[in-house]
Amino acid sequence: MSFRTLNALRGQSAYEIPGMDQDLFAAHVDVSTKSPDDLIAEFEAVRNATNYLFKNVSEEESKRTVFVLGKHTSARALAFMMVGHVMHHVAVLKEKYL
């Protein structure tokens, strides 16, 4: 999502950004050697980088779009999707593990 957002913010709309297959991504990572603290630190690092990406985005820049999954999506919409995605995963963690 951050990659899509960066493309939108920088005006890259000449080609469609491909979707991602979360099952394929998950099948090619071994988290068995990572501690919960490592996973949390990795999440925080990615989240901090995403926050910096949006830190100085102007109103005008937030309206720029990228073509993904067959439609134009604004950087602003992607930001809301990222927040919602985190909320979804927190709910799953609470439901299944806490």
Protein backbone atom coordinates (compact mmCIF):
# COMPACT_ATOMS: atom_id res chain seq x y z
CA MET A 1 0.00 0.00 0.00
CA SER A 2 2.85 2.38 0.74
CA PHE A 3 4.37 1.63 -2.66
CA ARG A 4 1.04 2.38 -4.32
CA THR A 5 0.76 5.58 -2.31
CA LEU A 6 4.25 6.71 -3.25
CA ASN A 7 3.41 6.16 -6.92
CA ALA A 8 0.25 8.25 -6.56
CA LEU A 9 2.03 11.05 -4.70
CA ARG A 10 4.78 11.21 -7.31
CA GLY A 11 2.35 11.27 -10.21
CA GLN A 12 3.01 7.79 -11.58
CA SER A 13 -0.21 6.93 -13.34
CA ALA A 14 1.13 5.77 -16.70
CA TYR A 15 0.65 2.07 -15.92
CA GLU A 16 -1.39 -0.07 -13.58
CA ILE A 17 0.27 -1.04 -10.30
CA PRO A 18 -0.22 -4.80 -9.91
CA GLY A 19 -2.09 -6.21 -6.97
CA MET A 20 -0.41 -8.48 -4.48
CA ASP A 21 -1.22 -12.01 -3.46
CA GLN A 22 -1.10 -12.15 0.33
CA ASP A 23 -1.12 -15.96 0.31
CA LEU A 24 1.91 -16.01 -1.99
CA PHE A 25 3.72 -13.51 0.25
CA ALA A 26 2.90 -15.54 3.36
CA ALA A 27 4.05 -18.78 1.74
CA HIS A 28 7.52 -17.32 1.16
CA VAL A 29 8.38 -16.06 4.63
CA ASP A 30 9.59 -18.02 7.62
CA VAL A 31 8.58 -16.26 10.83
CA SER A 32 9.40 -19.24 13.04
CA THR A 33 12.75 -17.71 13.97
CA LYS A 34 11.31 -14.28 14.77
CA SER A 35 10.29 -13.44 18.30
CA PRO A 36 7.10 -11.52 19.02
CA ASP A 37 9.31 -8.54 19.91
CA ASP A 38 11.03 -8.79 16.49
CA LEU A 39 7.68 -8.88 14.71
CA ILE A 40 6.45 -5.86 16.67
CA ALA A 41 9.66 -3.96 15.94
CA GLU A 42 9.34 -4.74 12.24
CA PHE A 43 5.72 -3.57 12.24
CA GLU A 44 6.71 -0.35 14.03
CA ALA A 45 9.52 0.33 11.54
CA VAL A 46 7.21 -0.09 8.56
CA ARG A 47 4.49 1.96 10.25
CA ASN A 48 6.96 4.76 11.07
CA ALA A 49 8.14 4.82 7.46
CA THR A 50 4.52 5.05 6.30
CA ASN A 51 3.84 7.89 8.74
CA TYR A 52 6.84 9.80 7.37
CA LEU A 53 5.56 9.23 3.84
CA PHE A 54 2.38 11.11 4.76
CA LYS A 55 3.91 13.64 7.15
CA ASN A 56 4.19 16.54 4.71
CA VAL A 57 1.64 15.59 2.06
CA SER A 58 -0.41 18.58 0.95
CA GLU A 59 -4.14 18.55 0.33
CA GLU A 60 -3.48 18.68 -3.41
CA GLU A 61 -0.96 15.82 -3.31
CA SER A 62 -3.38 13.64 -1.31
CA LYS A 63 -5.84 13.81 -4.21
CA ARG A 64 -3.38 12.37 -6.73
CA THR A 65 -4.33 8.92 -7.93
CA VAL A 66 -2.73 5.68 -8.97
CA PHE A 67 -4.30 3.02 -11.19
CA VAL A 68 -4.52 -0.22 -9.24
CA LEU A 69 -6.82 -3.23 -9.49
CA GLY A 70 -8.69 -1.70 -12.39
CA LYS A 71 -9.51 1.67 -10.87
CA HIS A 72 -7.98 4.98 -9.90
CA THR A 73 -7.41 5.34 -6.17
CA SER A 74 -6.22 8.49 -4.40
CA ALA A 75 -3.32 8.67 -2.00
CA ARG A 76 -5.83 9.83 0.62
CA ALA A 77 -8.00 6.75 0.07
CA LEU A 78 -4.94 4.52 0.37
CA ALA A 79 -4.10 6.16 3.71
CA PHE A 80 -7.56 5.31 5.04
CA MET A 81 -7.24 1.77 3.71
CA MET A 82 -3.93 1.33 5.54
CA VAL A 83 -5.46 2.48 8.83
CA GLY A 84 -8.44 0.18 8.33
CA HIS A 85 -6.14 -2.71 7.45
CA VAL A 86 -4.27 -2.34 10.73
CA MET A 87 -7.56 -2.14 12.63
CA HIS A 88 -8.70 -5.34 10.93
CA HIS A 89 -5.52 -7.21 11.91
CA VAL A 90 -5.67 -5.95 15.51
CA ALA A 91 -9.24 -7.26 15.72
CA VAL A 92 -8.14 -10.65 14.34
CA LEU A 93 -5.27 -10.83 16.85
CA LYS A 94 -7.62 -10.03 19.73
CA GLU A 95 -10.20 -12.53 18.53
CA LYS A 96 -7.80 -15.41 17.95
CA TYR A 97 -4.94 -14.90 20.39
CA LEU A 98 -5.79 -12.55 23.26
